[in-house]
Amino acid sequence: MRNTPTRSSNLPREPFDISMLVRFIAGGLAIAILSIAIIIFVLTSGLFPGIEQLVATPTIAARR
């Protein structure tokens, strides 16, 4: 049993890894774009008619 550091550790050697940061930003952007697209699809399609009134009533009340 020698006291040598092993290279088989999953942690990166440097604390700041650029590829992990790029992957994290790309994943966050993809999740945000997907959620916005799902919200727009739900609002434009008439699947849930109650959601349109929930969103539209504050804007209609603000116009008066």
C-alpha atoms as a PDB file:
ATOM      1  CA  MET A   1       0.000   0.000   0.000  1.00  0.00           C
ATOM      2  CA  ARG A   2       1.873   2.996  -1.253  1.00  0.00           C
ATOM      3  CA  ASN A   3       0.730   6.518  -0.409  1.00  0.00           C
ATOM      4  CA  THR A   4       0.551   7.703  -4.040  1.00  0.00           C
ATOM      5  CA  PRO A   5      -2.402   9.738  -5.363  1.00  0.00           C
ATOM      6  CA  THR A   6      -4.642   7.734  -7.666  1.00  0.00           C
ATOM      7  CA  ARG A   7      -5.628   9.094 -11.080  1.00  0.00           C
ATOM      8  CA  SER A   8      -8.890   7.108 -11.163  1.00  0.00           C
ATOM      9  CA  SER A   9     -10.816   9.644  -9.094  1.00  0.00           C
ATOM     10  CA  ASN A  10     -13.960  11.089 -10.667  1.00  0.00           C
ATOM     11  CA  LEU A  11     -13.237  14.614  -9.455  1.00  0.00           C
ATOM     12  CA  PRO A  12     -11.381  16.855 -11.917  1.00  0.00           C
ATOM     13  CA  ARG A  13      -7.839  17.859 -10.978  1.00  0.00           C
ATOM     14  CA  GLU A  14      -8.469  21.605 -11.281  1.00  0.00           C
ATOM     15  CA  PRO A  15     -11.372  23.150  -9.318  1.00  0.00           C
ATOM     16  CA  PHE A  16     -12.616  25.169 -12.326  1.00  0.00           C
ATOM     17  CA  ASP A  17     -13.493  22.942 -15.260  1.00  0.00           C
ATOM     18  CA  ILE A  18     -14.654  24.840 -18.335  1.00  0.00           C
ATOM     19  CA  SER A  19     -16.389  21.915 -20.062  1.00  0.00           C
ATOM     20  CA  MET A  20     -18.539  21.264 -16.977  1.00  0.00           C
ATOM     21  CA  LEU A  21     -19.494  24.950 -16.866  1.00  0.00           C
ATOM     22  CA  VAL A  22     -20.416  24.992 -20.570  1.00  0.00           C
ATOM     23  CA  ARG A  23     -22.473  21.810 -20.142  1.00  0.00           C
ATOM     24  CA  PHE A  24     -24.258  23.266 -17.108  1.00  0.00           C
ATOM     25  CA  ILE A  25     -25.096  26.532 -18.937  1.00  0.00           C
ATOM     26  CA  ALA A  26     -26.282  24.652 -22.032  1.00  0.00           C
ATOM     27  CA  GLY A  27     -28.479  22.384 -19.920  1.00  0.00           C
ATOM     28  CA  GLY A  28     -30.000  25.338 -18.082  1.00  0.00           C
ATOM     29  CA  LEU A  29     -30.715  27.145 -21.343  1.00  0.00           C
ATOM     30  CA  ALA A  30     -32.297  24.031 -22.846  1.00  0.00           C
ATOM     31  CA  ILE A  31     -34.530  23.550 -19.789  1.00  0.00           C
ATOM     32  CA  ALA A  32     -35.569  27.227 -19.839  1.00  0.00           C
ATOM     33  CA  ILE A  33     -36.372  27.189 -23.582  1.00  0.00           C
ATOM     34  CA  LEU A  34     -38.333  23.939 -23.233  1.00  0.00           C
ATOM     35  CA  SER A  35     -40.375  25.254 -20.306  1.00  0.00           C
ATOM     36  CA  ILE A  36     -41.157  28.519 -22.126  1.00  0.00           C
ATOM     37  CA  ALA A  37     -42.177  26.568 -25.232  1.00  0.00           C
ATOM     38  CA  ILE A  38     -44.460  24.312 -23.162  1.00  0.00           C
ATOM     39  CA  ILE A  39     -46.084  27.338 -21.481  1.00  0.00           C
ATOM     40  CA  ILE A  40     -46.677  29.043 -24.846  1.00  0.00           C
ATOM     41  CA  PHE A  41     -48.090  25.814 -26.306  1.00  0.00           C
ATOM     42  CA  VAL A  42     -50.466  25.356 -23.368  1.00  0.00           C
ATOM     43  CA  LEU A  43     -51.647  28.979 -23.599  1.00  0.00           C
ATOM     44  CA  THR A  44     -52.141  28.991 -27.388  1.00  0.00           C
ATOM     45  CA  SER A  45     -53.783  25.567 -27.628  1.00  0.00           C
ATOM     46  CA  GLY A  46     -57.217  25.373 -26.055  1.00  0.00           C
ATOM     47  CA  LEU A  47     -56.441  22.292 -23.957  1.00  0.00           C
ATOM     48  CA  PHE A  48     -56.889  24.067 -20.635  1.00  0.00           C
ATOM     49  CA  PRO A  49     -59.470  26.866 -21.045  1.00  0.00           C
ATOM     50  CA  GLY A  50     -59.154  27.993 -17.414  1.00  0.00           C
ATOM     51  CA  ILE A  51     -55.506  29.005 -17.764  1.00  0.00           C
ATOM     52  CA  GLU A  52     -56.263  31.669 -20.383  1.00  0.00           C
ATOM     53  CA  GLN A  53     -58.727  33.407 -18.069  1.00  0.00           C
ATOM     54  CA  LEU A  54     -56.244  33.210 -15.179  1.00  0.00           C
ATOM     55  CA  VAL A  55     -53.581  34.916 -17.303  1.00  0.00           C
ATOM     56  CA  ALA A  56     -55.925  37.349 -19.066  1.00  0.00           C
ATOM     57  CA  THR A  57     -57.820  38.714 -16.044  1.00  0.00           C
ATOM     58  CA  PRO A  58     -54.914  40.731 -14.530  1.00  0.00           C
ATOM     59  CA  THR A  59     -54.181  42.417 -17.883  1.00  0.00           C
ATOM     60  CA  ILE A  60     -57.864  43.179 -18.499  1.00  0.00           C
ATOM     61  CA  ALA A  61     -58.215  44.572 -14.972  1.00  0.00           C
ATOM     62  CA  ALA A  62     -55.108  46.700 -15.463  1.00  0.00           C
ATOM     63  CA  ARG A  63     -56.492  48.249 -18.664  1.00  0.00           C
ATOM     64  CA  ARG A  64     -59.631  49.562 -16.931  1.00  0.00           C
END
